[in-house]
Amino acid sequence: MTKNNLREQIEECREKMITLSYTNDLTSEAVISSSVKLDQLLNEYQRYTQ
């Protein structure tokens, strides 16, 4: 996975999480799942850039 590809995935996941938060509680399974996925992507990006 390239750095740019990872960055695109991060942005897509972030947008999805924000959209989900408009229609779901922040503690809903959908929002939390999306947040966990975003955290994983951010951690991977951080490892990639070190």
C-alpha atoms as a PDB file:
ATOM      1  CA  MET A   1       0.000   0.000   0.000  1.00  0.00           C
ATOM      2  CA  THR A   2       1.380   3.392  -0.951  1.00  0.00           C
ATOM      3  CA  LYS A   3       1.458   6.410   1.323  1.00  0.00           C
ATOM      4  CA  ASN A   4      -1.013   8.268  -0.902  1.00  0.00           C
ATOM      5  CA  ASN A   5      -3.370   5.300  -1.019  1.00  0.00           C
ATOM      6  CA  LEU A   6      -3.305   5.073   2.760  1.00  0.00           C
ATOM      7  CA  ARG A   7      -3.986   8.795   3.064  1.00  0.00           C
ATOM      8  CA  GLU A   8      -7.003   8.429   0.746  1.00  0.00           C
ATOM      9  CA  GLN A   9      -8.358   5.565   2.834  1.00  0.00           C
ATOM     10  CA  ILE A  10      -7.949   7.655   5.985  1.00  0.00           C
ATOM     11  CA  GLU A  11      -9.919  10.518   4.476  1.00  0.00           C
ATOM     12  CA  GLU A  12     -12.676   8.203   3.217  1.00  0.00           C
ATOM     13  CA  CYS A  13     -12.975   6.541   6.605  1.00  0.00           C
ATOM     14  CA  ARG A  14     -13.014   9.902   8.385  1.00  0.00           C
ATOM     15  CA  GLU A  15     -15.795  11.170   6.121  1.00  0.00           C
ATOM     16  CA  LYS A  16     -17.786   7.970   6.658  1.00  0.00           C
ATOM     17  CA  MET A  17     -17.453   8.278  10.428  1.00  0.00           C
ATOM     18  CA  ILE A  18     -18.588  11.899  10.361  1.00  0.00           C
ATOM     19  CA  THR A  19     -21.573  11.008   8.162  1.00  0.00           C
ATOM     20  CA  LEU A  20     -22.519   8.138  10.476  1.00  0.00           C
ATOM     21  CA  SER A  21     -22.356  10.458  13.467  1.00  0.00           C
ATOM     22  CA  TYR A  22     -25.081  12.649  11.940  1.00  0.00           C
ATOM     23  CA  THR A  23     -27.612   9.821  12.037  1.00  0.00           C
ATOM     24  CA  ASN A  24     -26.343   7.693  14.940  1.00  0.00           C
ATOM     25  CA  ASP A  25     -25.314   8.254  18.520  1.00  0.00           C
ATOM     26  CA  LEU A  26     -21.572   8.641  18.952  1.00  0.00           C
ATOM     27  CA  THR A  27     -21.645   5.490  21.073  1.00  0.00           C
ATOM     28  CA  SER A  28     -23.450   3.443  18.415  1.00  0.00           C
ATOM     29  CA  GLU A  29     -21.799   0.323  17.035  1.00  0.00           C
ATOM     30  CA  ALA A  30     -21.559   1.852  13.554  1.00  0.00           C
ATOM     31  CA  VAL A  31     -19.712   4.985  14.704  1.00  0.00           C
ATOM     32  CA  ILE A  32     -17.442   3.090  17.080  1.00  0.00           C
ATOM     33  CA  SER A  33     -16.599   0.548  14.370  1.00  0.00           C
ATOM     34  CA  SER A  34     -15.724   3.314  11.971  1.00  0.00           C
ATOM     35  CA  SER A  35     -13.619   5.026  14.631  1.00  0.00           C
ATOM     36  CA  VAL A  36     -11.685   1.823  15.324  1.00  0.00           C
ATOM     37  CA  LYS A  37     -11.027   1.399  11.598  1.00  0.00           C
ATOM     38  CA  LEU A  38      -9.829   5.007  11.376  1.00  0.00           C
ATOM     39  CA  ASP A  39      -7.513   4.463  14.352  1.00  0.00           C
ATOM     40  CA  GLN A  40      -6.027   1.396  12.660  1.00  0.00           C
ATOM     41  CA  LEU A  41      -5.425   3.317   9.455  1.00  0.00           C
ATOM     42  CA  LEU A  42      -3.843   6.218  11.322  1.00  0.00           C
ATOM     43  CA  ASN A  43      -1.570   3.854  13.249  1.00  0.00           C
ATOM     44  CA  GLU A  44      -0.522   2.190  10.015  1.00  0.00           C
ATOM     45  CA  TYR A  45       0.167   5.583   8.443  1.00  0.00           C
ATOM     46  CA  GLN A  46       2.236   6.601  11.439  1.00  0.00           C
ATOM     47  CA  ARG A  47       4.315   3.405  11.227  1.00  0.00           C
ATOM     48  CA  TYR A  48       4.742   3.978   7.494  1.00  0.00           C
ATOM     49  CA  THR A  49       6.086   7.501   7.974  1.00  0.00           C
ATOM     50  CA  GLN A  50       8.533   6.788  10.787  1.00  0.00           C
END
